[in-house]
mmCIF file of all heavy atoms, coordinates in Angstrom:
data_MODEL
# 
_entry.id   MODEL 
# 
loop_
_atom_site.group_PDB 
_atom_site.id 
_atom_site.type_symbol 
_atom_site.label_atom_id 
_atom_site.label_alt_id 
_atom_site.label_comp_id 
_atom_site.label_asym_id 
_atom_site.label_entity_id 
_atom_site.label_seq_id 
_atom_site.pdbx_PDB_ins_code 
_atom_site.Cartn_x 
_atom_site.Cartn_y 
_atom_site.Cartn_z 
_atom_site.occupancy 
_atom_site.B_iso_or_equiv 
_atom_site.pdbx_formal_charge 
_atom_site.auth_seq_id 
_atom_site.auth_comp_id 
_atom_site.auth_asym_id 
_atom_site.auth_atom_id 
_atom_site.pdbx_PDB_model_num 
ATOM 1   N N   . ARG A 1 1  ? 19.381 31.231 6.788  1.00 0.00 ? 1  ARG A N   1 
ATOM 2   C CA  . ARG A 1 1  ? 19.889 32.262 7.647  1.00 0.00 ? 1  ARG A CA  1 
ATOM 3   C C   . ARG A 1 1  ? 20.263 33.483 6.855  1.00 0.00 ? 1  ARG A C   1 
ATOM 4   O O   . ARG A 1 1  ? 19.989 34.626 7.248  1.00 0.00 ? 1  ARG A O   1 
ATOM 5   C CB  . ARG A 1 1  ? 21.079 31.769 8.456  1.00 0.00 ? 1  ARG A CB  1 
ATOM 6   C CG  . ARG A 1 1  ? 21.641 32.808 9.414  1.00 0.00 ? 1  ARG A CG  1 
ATOM 7   C CD  . ARG A 1 1  ? 22.916 32.328 10.028 1.00 0.00 ? 1  ARG A CD  1 
ATOM 8   N NE  . ARG A 1 1  ? 23.439 33.294 11.043 1.00 0.00 ? 1  ARG A NE  1 
ATOM 9   C CZ  . ARG A 1 1  ? 23.407 33.048 12.368 1.00 0.00 ? 1  ARG A CZ  1 
ATOM 10  N NH1 . ARG A 1 1  ? 22.874 31.933 12.838 1.00 0.00 ? 1  ARG A NH1 1 
ATOM 11  N NH2 . ARG A 1 1  ? 23.862 33.947 13.165 1.00 0.00 ? 1  ARG A NH2 1 
ATOM 12  N N   . LYS A 1 2  ? 20.842 33.291 5.654  1.00 0.00 ? 2  LYS A N   1 
ATOM 13  C CA  . LYS A 1 2  ? 21.206 34.418 4.825  1.00 0.00 ? 2  LYS A CA  1 
ATOM 14  C C   . LYS A 1 2  ? 19.960 35.183 4.373  1.00 0.00 ? 2  LYS A C   1 
ATOM 15  O O   . LYS A 1 2  ? 19.966 36.397 4.325  1.00 0.00 ? 2  LYS A O   1 
ATOM 16  C CB  . LYS A 1 2  ? 21.992 33.904 3.579  1.00 0.00 ? 2  LYS A CB  1 
ATOM 17  C CG  . LYS A 1 2  ? 22.410 34.988 2.636  1.00 0.00 ? 2  LYS A CG  1 
ATOM 18  C CD  . LYS A 1 2  ? 23.203 34.405 1.455  1.00 0.00 ? 2  LYS A CD  1 
ATOM 19  C CE  . LYS A 1 2  ? 23.664 35.481 0.490  1.00 0.00 ? 2  LYS A CE  1 
ATOM 20  N NZ  . LYS A 1 2  ? 24.404 34.938 -0.645 1.00 0.00 ? 2  LYS A NZ  1 
ATOM 21  N N   . ALA A 1 3  ? 18.908 34.426 3.987  1.00 0.00 ? 3  ALA A N   1 
ATOM 22  C CA  . ALA A 1 3  ? 17.682 35.120 3.584  1.00 0.00 ? 3  ALA A CA  1 
ATOM 23  C C   . ALA A 1 3  ? 17.067 35.874 4.725  1.00 0.00 ? 3  ALA A C   1 
ATOM 24  O O   . ALA A 1 3  ? 16.569 37.026 4.530  1.00 0.00 ? 3  ALA A O   1 
ATOM 25  C CB  . ALA A 1 3  ? 16.709 34.079 3.059  1.00 0.00 ? 3  ALA A CB  1 
ATOM 26  N N   . PHE A 1 4  ? 17.153 35.328 5.929  1.00 0.00 ? 4  PHE A N   1 
ATOM 27  C CA  . PHE A 1 4  ? 16.614 36.042 7.114  1.00 0.00 ? 4  PHE A CA  1 
ATOM 28  C C   . PHE A 1 4  ? 17.377 37.294 7.383  1.00 0.00 ? 4  PHE A C   1 
ATOM 29  O O   . PHE A 1 4  ? 16.840 38.361 7.675  1.00 0.00 ? 4  PHE A O   1 
ATOM 30  C CB  . PHE A 1 4  ? 16.611 35.151 8.300  1.00 0.00 ? 4  PHE A CB  1 
ATOM 31  C CG  . PHE A 1 4  ? 16.243 35.825 9.574  1.00 0.00 ? 4  PHE A CG  1 
ATOM 32  C CD1 . PHE A 1 4  ? 14.930 36.230 9.863  1.00 0.00 ? 4  PHE A CD1 1 
ATOM 33  C CD2 . PHE A 1 4  ? 17.201 36.151 10.501 1.00 0.00 ? 4  PHE A CD2 1 
ATOM 34  C CE1 . PHE A 1 4  ? 14.601 36.819 11.068 1.00 0.00 ? 4  PHE A CE1 1 
ATOM 35  C CE2 . PHE A 1 4  ? 16.918 36.774 11.716 1.00 0.00 ? 4  PHE A CE2 1 
ATOM 36  C CZ  . PHE A 1 4  ? 15.634 37.115 11.961 1.00 0.00 ? 4  PHE A CZ  1 
ATOM 37  N N   . GLU A 1 5  ? 18.698 37.247 7.274  1.00 0.00 ? 5  GLU A N   1 
ATOM 38  C CA  . GLU A 1 5  ? 19.537 38.414 7.576  1.00 0.00 ? 5  GLU A CA  1 
ATOM 39  C C   . GLU A 1 5  ? 19.307 39.551 6.563  1.00 0.00 ? 5  GLU A C   1 
ATOM 40  O O   . GLU A 1 5  ? 19.408 40.714 6.883  1.00 0.00 ? 5  GLU A O   1 
ATOM 41  C CB  . GLU A 1 5  ? 20.997 38.018 7.599  1.00 0.00 ? 5  GLU A CB  1 
ATOM 42  C CG  . GLU A 1 5  ? 21.356 37.164 8.839  1.00 0.00 ? 5  GLU A CG  1 
ATOM 43  C CD  . GLU A 1 5  ? 22.803 36.699 8.857  1.00 0.00 ? 5  GLU A CD  1 
ATOM 44  O OE1 . GLU A 1 5  ? 23.429 36.919 7.778  1.00 0.00 ? 5  GLU A OE1 1 
ATOM 45  O OE2 . GLU A 1 5  ? 23.292 36.219 9.872  1.00 0.00 ? 5  GLU A OE2 1 
ATOM 46  N N   . GLU A 1 6  ? 18.951 39.198 5.339  1.00 0.00 ? 6  GLU A N   1 
ATOM 47  C CA  . GLU A 1 6  ? 18.645 40.244 4.376  1.00 0.00 ? 6  GLU A CA  1 
ATOM 48  C C   . GLU A 1 6  ? 17.413 41.019 4.762  1.00 0.00 ? 6  GLU A C   1 
ATOM 49  O O   . GLU A 1 6  ? 17.358 42.246 4.645  1.00 0.00 ? 6  GLU A O   1 
ATOM 50  C CB  . GLU A 1 6  ? 18.494 39.599 2.978  1.00 0.00 ? 6  GLU A CB  1 
ATOM 51  C CG  . GLU A 1 6  ? 19.773 39.074 2.373  1.00 0.00 ? 6  GLU A CG  1 
ATOM 52  C CD  . GLU A 1 6  ? 19.517 38.415 1.028  1.00 0.00 ? 6  GLU A CD  1 
ATOM 53  O OE1 . GLU A 1 6  ? 18.324 38.308 0.649  1.00 0.00 ? 6  GLU A OE1 1 
ATOM 54  O OE2 . GLU A 1 6  ? 20.521 37.963 0.379  1.00 0.00 ? 6  GLU A OE2 1 
ATOM 55  N N   . TYR A 1 7  ? 16.381 40.307 5.228  1.00 0.00 ? 7  TYR A N   1 
ATOM 56  C CA  . TYR A 1 7  ? 15.197 41.001 5.705  1.00 0.00 ? 7  TYR A CA  1 
ATOM 57  C C   . TYR A 1 7  ? 15.516 41.846 6.986  1.00 0.00 ? 7  TYR A C   1 
ATOM 58  O O   . TYR A 1 7  ? 14.924 42.939 7.224  1.00 0.00 ? 7  TYR A O   1 
ATOM 59  C CB  . TYR A 1 7  ? 14.087 40.026 6.011  1.00 0.00 ? 7  TYR A CB  1 
ATOM 60  C CG  . TYR A 1 7  ? 13.444 39.445 4.783  1.00 0.00 ? 7  TYR A CG  1 
ATOM 61  C CD1 . TYR A 1 7  ? 13.667 38.132 4.436  1.00 0.00 ? 7  TYR A CD1 1 
ATOM 62  C CD2 . TYR A 1 7  ? 12.610 40.215 3.949  1.00 0.00 ? 7  TYR A CD2 1 
ATOM 63  C CE1 . TYR A 1 7  ? 13.133 37.590 3.284  1.00 0.00 ? 7  TYR A CE1 1 
ATOM 64  C CE2 . TYR A 1 7  ? 12.072 39.648 2.772  1.00 0.00 ? 7  TYR A CE2 1 
ATOM 65  C CZ  . TYR A 1 7  ? 12.292 38.322 2.469  1.00 0.00 ? 7  TYR A CZ  1 
ATOM 66  O OH  . TYR A 1 7  ? 11.746 37.822 1.318  1.00 0.00 ? 7  TYR A OH  1 
ATOM 67  N N   . GLU A 1 8  ? 16.401 41.346 7.809  1.00 0.00 ? 8  GLU A N   1 
ATOM 68  C CA  . GLU A 1 8  ? 16.772 42.019 9.043  1.00 0.00 ? 8  GLU A CA  1 
ATOM 69  C C   . GLU A 1 8  ? 17.486 43.334 8.729  1.00 0.00 ? 8  GLU A C   1 
ATOM 70  O O   . GLU A 1 8  ? 17.236 44.401 9.340  1.00 0.00 ? 8  GLU A O   1 
ATOM 71  C CB  . GLU A 1 8  ? 17.633 41.105 9.892  1.00 0.00 ? 8  GLU A CB  1 
ATOM 72  C CG  . GLU A 1 8  ? 17.770 41.540 11.333 1.00 0.00 ? 8  GLU A CG  1 
ATOM 73  C CD  . GLU A 1 8  ? 18.436 40.541 12.201 1.00 0.00 ? 8  GLU A CD  1 
ATOM 74  O OE1 . GLU A 1 8  ? 19.322 39.847 11.620 1.00 0.00 ? 8  GLU A OE1 1 
ATOM 75  O OE2 . GLU A 1 8  ? 18.200 40.436 13.369 1.00 0.00 ? 8  GLU A OE2 1 
ATOM 76  N N   . ILE A 1 9  ? 18.386 43.323 7.716  1.00 0.00 ? 9  ILE A N   1 
ATOM 77  C CA  . ILE A 1 9  ? 19.102 44.538 7.340  1.00 0.00 ? 9  ILE A CA  1 
ATOM 78  C C   . ILE A 1 9  ? 18.078 45.523 6.757  1.00 0.00 ? 9  ILE A C   1 
ATOM 79  O O   . ILE A 1 9  ? 18.163 46.776 7.000  1.00 0.00 ? 9  ILE A O   1 
ATOM 80  C CB  . ILE A 1 9  ? 20.173 44.205 6.282  1.00 0.00 ? 9  ILE A CB  1 
ATOM 81  C CG1 . ILE A 1 9  ? 21.293 43.341 7.021  1.00 0.00 ? 9  ILE A CG1 1 
ATOM 82  C CG2 . ILE A 1 9  ? 20.778 45.443 5.718  1.00 0.00 ? 9  ILE A CG2 1 
ATOM 83  C CD1 . ILE A 1 9  ? 22.321 42.833 6.073  1.00 0.00 ? 9  ILE A CD1 1 
ATOM 84  N N   . GLU A 1 10 ? 17.132 45.086 5.910  1.00 0.00 ? 10 GLU A N   1 
ATOM 85  C CA  . GLU A 1 10 ? 16.135 45.956 5.362  1.00 0.00 ? 10 GLU A CA  1 
ATOM 86  C C   . GLU A 1 10 ? 15.321 46.603 6.426  1.00 0.00 ? 10 GLU A C   1 
ATOM 87  O O   . GLU A 1 10 ? 14.967 47.816 6.346  1.00 0.00 ? 10 GLU A O   1 
ATOM 88  C CB  . GLU A 1 10 ? 15.251 45.078 4.390  1.00 0.00 ? 10 GLU A CB  1 
ATOM 89  C CG  . GLU A 1 10 ? 14.169 45.979 3.695  1.00 0.00 ? 10 GLU A CG  1 
ATOM 90  C CD  . GLU A 1 10 ? 13.316 45.111 2.761  1.00 0.00 ? 10 GLU A CD  1 
ATOM 91  O OE1 . GLU A 1 10 ? 13.626 43.919 2.668  1.00 0.00 ? 10 GLU A OE1 1 
ATOM 92  O OE2 . GLU A 1 10 ? 12.338 45.687 2.186  1.00 0.00 ? 10 GLU A OE2 1 
ATOM 93  N N   . PHE A 1 11 ? 14.979 45.881 7.498  1.00 0.00 ? 11 PHE A N   1 
ATOM 94  C CA  . PHE A 1 11 ? 14.228 46.444 8.613  1.00 0.00 ? 11 PHE A CA  1 
ATOM 95  C C   . PHE A 1 11 ? 15.071 47.531 9.309  1.00 0.00 ? 11 PHE A C   1 
ATOM 96  O O   . PHE A 1 11 ? 14.534 48.576 9.617  1.00 0.00 ? 11 PHE A O   1 
ATOM 97  C CB  . PHE A 1 11 ? 13.840 45.318 9.556  1.00 0.00 ? 11 PHE A CB  1 
ATOM 98  C CG  . PHE A 1 11 ? 13.350 45.813 10.871 1.00 0.00 ? 11 PHE A CG  1 
ATOM 99  C CD1 . PHE A 1 11 ? 12.037 46.314 11.027 1.00 0.00 ? 11 PHE A CD1 1 
ATOM 100 C CD2 . PHE A 1 11 ? 14.135 45.744 12.031 1.00 0.00 ? 11 PHE A CD2 1 
ATOM 101 C CE1 . PHE A 1 11 ? 11.573 46.767 12.222 1.00 0.00 ? 11 PHE A CE1 1 
ATOM 102 C CE2 . PHE A 1 11 ? 13.666 46.191 13.230 1.00 0.00 ? 11 PHE A CE2 1 
ATOM 103 C CZ  . PHE A 1 11 ? 12.381 46.725 13.348 1.00 0.00 ? 11 PHE A CZ  1 
ATOM 104 N N   . GLN A 1 12 ? 16.335 47.259 9.643  1.00 0.00 ? 12 GLN A N   1 
ATOM 105 C CA  . GLN A 1 12 ? 17.116 48.181 10.334 1.00 0.00 ? 12 GLN A CA  1 
ATOM 106 C C   . GLN A 1 12 ? 17.425 49.456 9.506  1.00 0.00 ? 12 GLN A C   1 
ATOM 107 O O   . GLN A 1 12 ? 17.638 50.553 9.996  1.00 0.00 ? 12 GLN A O   1 
ATOM 108 C CB  . GLN A 1 12 ? 18.427 47.567 10.804 1.00 0.00 ? 12 GLN A CB  1 
ATOM 109 C CG  . GLN A 1 12 ? 18.234 46.461 11.798 1.00 0.00 ? 12 GLN A CG  1 
ATOM 110 C CD  . GLN A 1 12 ? 17.885 46.997 13.191 1.00 0.00 ? 12 GLN A CD  1 
ATOM 111 O OE1 . GLN A 1 12 ? 17.628 48.098 13.369 1.00 0.00 ? 12 GLN A OE1 1 
ATOM 112 N NE2 . GLN A 1 12 ? 17.860 46.070 14.156 1.00 0.00 ? 12 GLN A NE2 1 
ATOM 113 N N   . ASP A 1 13 ? 17.472 49.360 8.150  1.00 0.00 ? 13 ASP A N   1 
ATOM 114 C CA  . ASP A 1 13 ? 17.851 50.486 7.310  1.00 0.00 ? 13 ASP A CA  1 
ATOM 115 C C   . ASP A 1 13 ? 16.602 51.306 6.855  1.00 0.00 ? 13 ASP A C   1 
ATOM 116 O O   . ASP A 1 13 ? 16.751 52.167 6.030  1.00 0.00 ? 13 ASP A O   1 
ATOM 117 C CB  . ASP A 1 13 ? 18.568 49.944 6.058  1.00 0.00 ? 13 ASP A CB  1 
ATOM 118 C CG  . ASP A 1 13 ? 19.964 49.467 6.388  1.00 0.00 ? 13 ASP A CG  1 
ATOM 119 O OD1 . ASP A 1 13 ? 20.401 49.773 7.432  1.00 0.00 ? 13 ASP A OD1 1 
ATOM 120 O OD2 . ASP A 1 13 ? 20.583 48.728 5.598  1.00 0.00 ? 13 ASP A OD2 1 
ATOM 121 N N   . TYR A 1 14 ? 15.460 50.969 7.413  1.00 0.00 ? 14 TYR A N   1 
ATOM 122 C CA  . TYR A 1 14 ? 14.328 51.766 7.031  1.00 0.00 ? 14 TYR A CA  1 
ATOM 123 C C   . TYR A 1 14 ? 14.389 53.213 7.491  1.00 0.00 ? 14 TYR A C   1 
ATOM 124 O O   . TYR A 1 14 ? 14.695 53.475 8.636  1.00 0.00 ? 14 TYR A O   1 
ATOM 125 C CB  . TYR A 1 14 ? 13.012 51.113 7.579  1.00 0.00 ? 14 TYR A CB  1 
ATOM 126 C CG  . TYR A 1 14 ? 11.790 51.920 7.291  1.00 0.00 ? 14 TYR A CG  1 
ATOM 127 C CD1 . TYR A 1 14 ? 11.168 51.918 6.056  1.00 0.00 ? 14 TYR A CD1 1 
ATOM 128 C CD2 . TYR A 1 14 ? 11.174 52.729 8.283  1.00 0.00 ? 14 TYR A CD2 1 
ATOM 129 C CE1 . TYR A 1 14 ? 10.011 52.612 5.801  1.00 0.00 ? 14 TYR A CE1 1 
ATOM 130 C CE2 . TYR A 1 14 ? 10.050 53.479 8.039  1.00 0.00 ? 14 TYR A CE2 1 
ATOM 131 C CZ  . TYR A 1 14 ? 9.454  53.430 6.780  1.00 0.00 ? 14 TYR A CZ  1 
ATOM 132 O OH  . TYR A 1 14 ? 8.306  54.137 6.524  1.00 0.00 ? 14 TYR A OH  1 
ATOM 133 N N   . HIS A 1 15 ? 14.125 54.177 6.539  1.00 0.00 ? 15 HIS A N   1 
ATOM 134 C CA  . HIS A 1 15 ? 14.326 55.599 6.858  1.00 0.00 ? 15 HIS A CA  1 
ATOM 135 C C   . HIS A 1 15 ? 12.970 56.152 7.291  1.00 0.00 ? 15 HIS A C   1 
ATOM 136 O O   . HIS A 1 15 ? 12.015 56.191 6.552  1.00 0.00 ? 15 HIS A O   1 
ATOM 137 C CB  . HIS A 1 15 ? 14.856 56.341 5.652  1.00 0.00 ? 15 HIS A CB  1 
ATOM 138 C CG  . HIS A 1 15 ? 16.268 56.123 5.322  1.00 0.00 ? 15 HIS A CG  1 
ATOM 139 N ND1 . HIS A 1 15 ? 16.739 54.928 4.857  1.00 0.00 ? 15 HIS A ND1 1 
ATOM 140 C CD2 . HIS A 1 15 ? 17.367 56.919 5.436  1.00 0.00 ? 15 HIS A CD2 1 
ATOM 141 C CE1 . HIS A 1 15 ? 18.087 55.003 4.687  1.00 0.00 ? 15 HIS A CE1 1 
ATOM 142 N NE2 . HIS A 1 15 ? 18.441 56.236 5.052  1.00 0.00 ? 15 HIS A NE2 1 
ATOM 143 N N   . ASP A 1 16 ? 12.977 56.663 8.576  1.00 0.00 ? 16 ASP A N   1 
ATOM 144 C CA  . ASP A 1 16 ? 11.749 57.348 9.048  1.00 0.00 ? 16 ASP A CA  1 
ATOM 145 C C   . ASP A 1 16 ? 11.701 58.731 8.464  1.00 0.00 ? 16 ASP A C   1 
ATOM 146 O O   . ASP A 1 16 ? 10.578 59.263 8.264  1.00 0.00 ? 16 ASP A O   1 
ATOM 147 C CB  . ASP A 1 16 ? 11.839 57.431 10.596 1.00 0.00 ? 16 ASP A CB  1 
ATOM 148 C CG  . ASP A 1 16 ? 11.798 56.073 11.245 1.00 0.00 ? 16 ASP A CG  1 
ATOM 149 O OD1 . ASP A 1 16 ? 11.038 55.200 10.724 1.00 0.00 ? 16 ASP A OD1 1 
ATOM 150 O OD2 . ASP A 1 16 ? 12.458 55.854 12.282 1.00 0.00 ? 16 ASP A OD2 1 
ATOM 151 N N   . TRP A 1 17 ? 12.802 59.361 8.288  1.00 0.00 ? 17 TRP A N   1 
ATOM 152 C CA  . TRP A 1 17 ? 12.806 60.696 7.670  1.00 0.00 ? 17 TRP A CA  1 
ATOM 153 C C   . TRP A 1 17 ? 13.901 60.710 6.599  1.00 0.00 ? 17 TRP A C   1 
ATOM 154 O O   . TRP A 1 17 ? 15.046 60.350 6.811  1.00 0.00 ? 17 TRP A O   1 
ATOM 155 C CB  . TRP A 1 17 ? 13.184 61.728 8.744  1.00 0.00 ? 17 TRP A CB  1 
ATOM 156 C CG  . TRP A 1 17 ? 12.923 63.155 8.351  1.00 0.00 ? 17 TRP A CG  1 
ATOM 157 C CD1 . TRP A 1 17 ? 13.821 63.983 7.721  1.00 0.00 ? 17 TRP A CD1 1 
ATOM 158 C CD2 . TRP A 1 17 ? 11.726 63.876 8.494  1.00 0.00 ? 17 TRP A CD2 1 
ATOM 159 N NE1 . TRP A 1 17 ? 13.175 65.207 7.445  1.00 0.00 ? 17 TRP A NE1 1 
ATOM 160 C CE2 . TRP A 1 17 ? 11.883 65.115 7.969  1.00 0.00 ? 17 TRP A CE2 1 
ATOM 161 C CE3 . TRP A 1 17 ? 10.452 63.565 9.011  1.00 0.00 ? 17 TRP A CE3 1 
ATOM 162 C CZ2 . TRP A 1 17 ? 10.910 66.122 7.907  1.00 0.00 ? 17 TRP A CZ2 1 
ATOM 163 C CZ3 . TRP A 1 17 ? 9.506  64.545 9.036  1.00 0.00 ? 17 TRP A CZ3 1 
ATOM 164 C CH2 . TRP A 1 17 ? 9.713  65.790 8.465  1.00 0.00 ? 17 TRP A CH2 1 
ATOM 165 N N   . PRO A 1 18 ? 13.541 61.215 5.413  1.00 0.00 ? 18 PRO A N   1 
ATOM 166 C CA  . PRO A 1 18 ? 14.530 61.153 4.263  1.00 0.00 ? 18 PRO A CA  1 
ATOM 167 C C   . PRO A 1 18 ? 15.760 62.013 4.638  1.00 0.00 ? 18 PRO A C   1 
ATOM 168 O O   . PRO A 1 18 ? 15.657 63.126 5.117  1.00 0.00 ? 18 PRO A O   1 
ATOM 169 C CB  . PRO A 1 18 ? 13.740 61.843 3.136  1.00 0.00 ? 18 PRO A CB  1 
ATOM 170 C CG  . PRO A 1 18 ? 12.263 61.629 3.471  1.00 0.00 ? 18 PRO A CG  1 
ATOM 171 C CD  . PRO A 1 18 ? 12.207 61.681 4.965  1.00 0.00 ? 18 PRO A CD  1 
ATOM 172 N N   . GLY A 1 19 ? 16.912 61.426 4.297  1.00 0.00 ? 19 GLY A N   1 
ATOM 173 C CA  . GLY A 1 19 ? 18.144 62.110 4.487  1.00 0.00 ? 19 GLY A CA  1 
ATOM 174 C C   . GLY A 1 19 ? 18.789 61.953 5.828  1.00 0.00 ? 19 GLY A C   1 
ATOM 175 O O   . GLY A 1 19 ? 19.894 62.386 6.084  1.00 0.00 ? 19 GLY A O   1 
ATOM 176 N N   . ILE A 1 20 ? 18.091 61.366 6.818  1.00 0.00 ? 20 ILE A N   1 
ATOM 177 C CA  . ILE A 1 20 ? 18.610 61.125 8.159  1.00 0.00 ? 20 ILE A CA  1 
ATOM 178 C C   . ILE A 1 20 ? 18.798 59.623 8.396  1.00 0.00 ? 20 ILE A C   1 
ATOM 179 O O   . ILE A 1 20 ? 17.882 58.839 8.118  1.00 0.00 ? 20 ILE A O   1 
ATOM 180 C CB  . ILE A 1 20 ? 17.649 61.693 9.198  1.00 0.00 ? 20 ILE A CB  1 
ATOM 181 C CG1 . ILE A 1 20 ? 17.451 63.167 9.002  1.00 0.00 ? 20 ILE A CG1 1 
ATOM 182 C CG2 . ILE A 1 20 ? 18.139 61.418 10.599 1.00 0.00 ? 20 ILE A CG2 1 
ATOM 183 C CD1 . ILE A 1 20 ? 16.493 63.877 9.985  1.00 0.00 ? 20 ILE A CD1 1 
ATOM 184 N N   . LYS A 1 21 ? 20.005 59.294 8.779  1.00 0.00 ? 21 LYS A N   1 
ATOM 185 C CA  . LYS A 1 21 ? 20.316 57.900 8.995  1.00 0.00 ? 21 LYS A CA  1 
ATOM 186 C C   . LYS A 1 21 ? 19.453 57.292 10.113 1.00 0.00 ? 21 LYS A C   1 
ATOM 187 O O   . LYS A 1 21 ? 19.359 57.909 11.176 1.00 0.00 ? 21 LYS A O   1 
ATOM 188 C CB  . LYS A 1 21 ? 21.820 57.741 9.368  1.00 0.00 ? 21 LYS A CB  1 
ATOM 189 C CG  . LYS A 1 21 ? 22.241 56.299 9.470  1.00 0.00 ? 21 LYS A CG  1 
ATOM 190 C CD  . LYS A 1 21 ? 23.739 56.205 9.780  1.00 0.00 ? 21 LYS A CD  1 
ATOM 191 C CE  . LYS A 1 21 ? 24.150 54.718 9.894  1.00 0.00 ? 21 LYS A CE  1 
ATOM 192 N NZ  . LYS A 1 21 ? 25.610 54.608 10.206 1.00 0.00 ? 21 LYS A NZ  1 
ATOM 193 N N   . PRO A 1 22 ? 18.832 56.188 9.853  1.00 0.00 ? 22 PRO A N   1 
ATOM 194 C CA  . PRO A 1 22 ? 17.935 55.646 10.897 1.00 0.00 ? 22 PRO A CA  1 
ATOM 195 C C   . PRO A 1 22 ? 18.721 55.076 12.088 1.00 0.00 ? 22 PRO A C   1 
ATOM 196 O O   . PRO A 1 22 ? 19.808 54.679 11.958 1.00 0.00 ? 22 PRO A O   1 
ATOM 197 C CB  . PRO A 1 22 ? 17.199 54.533 10.177 1.00 0.00 ? 22 PRO A CB  1 
ATOM 198 C CG  . PRO A 1 22 ? 18.091 54.112 9.071  1.00 0.00 ? 22 PRO A CG  1 
ATOM 199 C CD  . PRO A 1 22 ? 18.836 55.382 8.640  1.00 0.00 ? 22 PRO A CD  1 
ATOM 200 N N   . LYS A 1 23 ? 18.099 55.132 13.230 1.00 0.00 ? 23 LYS A N   1 
ATOM 201 C CA  . LYS A 1 23 ? 18.681 54.578 14.389 1.00 0.00 ? 23 LYS A CA  1 
ATOM 202 C C   . LYS A 1 23 ? 18.310 53.086 14.541 1.00 0.00 ? 23 LYS A C   1 
ATOM 203 O O   . LYS A 1 23 ? 17.074 52.768 14.533 1.00 0.00 ? 23 LYS A O   1 
ATOM 204 C CB  . LYS A 1 23 ? 18.191 55.337 15.674 1.00 0.00 ? 23 LYS A CB  1 
ATOM 205 C CG  . LYS A 1 23 ? 18.788 54.792 16.957 1.00 0.00 ? 23 LYS A CG  1 
ATOM 206 C CD  . LYS A 1 23 ? 18.233 55.656 18.154 1.00 0.00 ? 23 LYS A CD  1 
ATOM 207 C CE  . LYS A 1 23 ? 18.861 55.137 19.416 1.00 0.00 ? 23 LYS A CE  1 
ATOM 208 N NZ  . LYS A 1 23 ? 18.398 55.906 20.568 1.00 0.00 ? 23 LYS A NZ  1 
ATOM 209 N N   . ALA A 1 24 ? 19.323 52.279 14.650 1.00 0.00 ? 24 ALA A N   1 
ATOM 210 C CA  . ALA A 1 24 ? 19.079 50.865 14.705 1.00 0.00 ? 24 ALA A CA  1 
ATOM 211 C C   . ALA A 1 24 ? 18.369 50.477 16.024 1.00 0.00 ? 24 ALA A C   1 
ATOM 212 O O   . ALA A 1 24 ? 18.630 51.031 17.045 1.00 0.00 ? 24 ALA A O   1 
ATOM 213 C CB  . ALA A 1 24 ? 20.339 50.082 14.546 1.00 0.00 ? 24 ALA A CB  1 
ATOM 214 N N   . MET A 1 25 ? 17.470 49.496 15.974 1.00 0.00 ? 25 MET A N   1 
ATOM 215 C CA  . MET A 1 25 ? 16.788 49.039 17.095 1.00 0.00 ? 25 MET A CA  1 
ATOM 216 C C   . MET A 1 25 ? 17.438 47.784 17.672 1.00 0.00 ? 25 MET A C   1 
ATOM 217 O O   . MET A 1 25 ? 17.920 46.937 16.956 1.00 0.00 ? 25 MET A O   1 
ATOM 218 C CB  . MET A 1 25 ? 15.300 48.691 16.735 1.00 0.00 ? 25 MET A CB  1 
ATOM 219 C CG  . MET A 1 25 ? 14.474 49.930 16.208 1.00 0.00 ? 25 MET A CG  1 
ATOM 220 S SD  . MET A 1 25 ? 12.820 49.527 15.795 1.00 0.00 ? 25 MET A SD  1 
ATOM 221 C CE  . MET A 1 25 ? 12.156 49.075 17.464 1.00 0.00 ? 25 MET A CE  1 
# 
């Protein structure tokens, strides 16, 4: 579960535009 949550955080923190905080899905 810990390994899965690390990938989940990486997915939610992906930046579509540099300098702008991404919107979580």
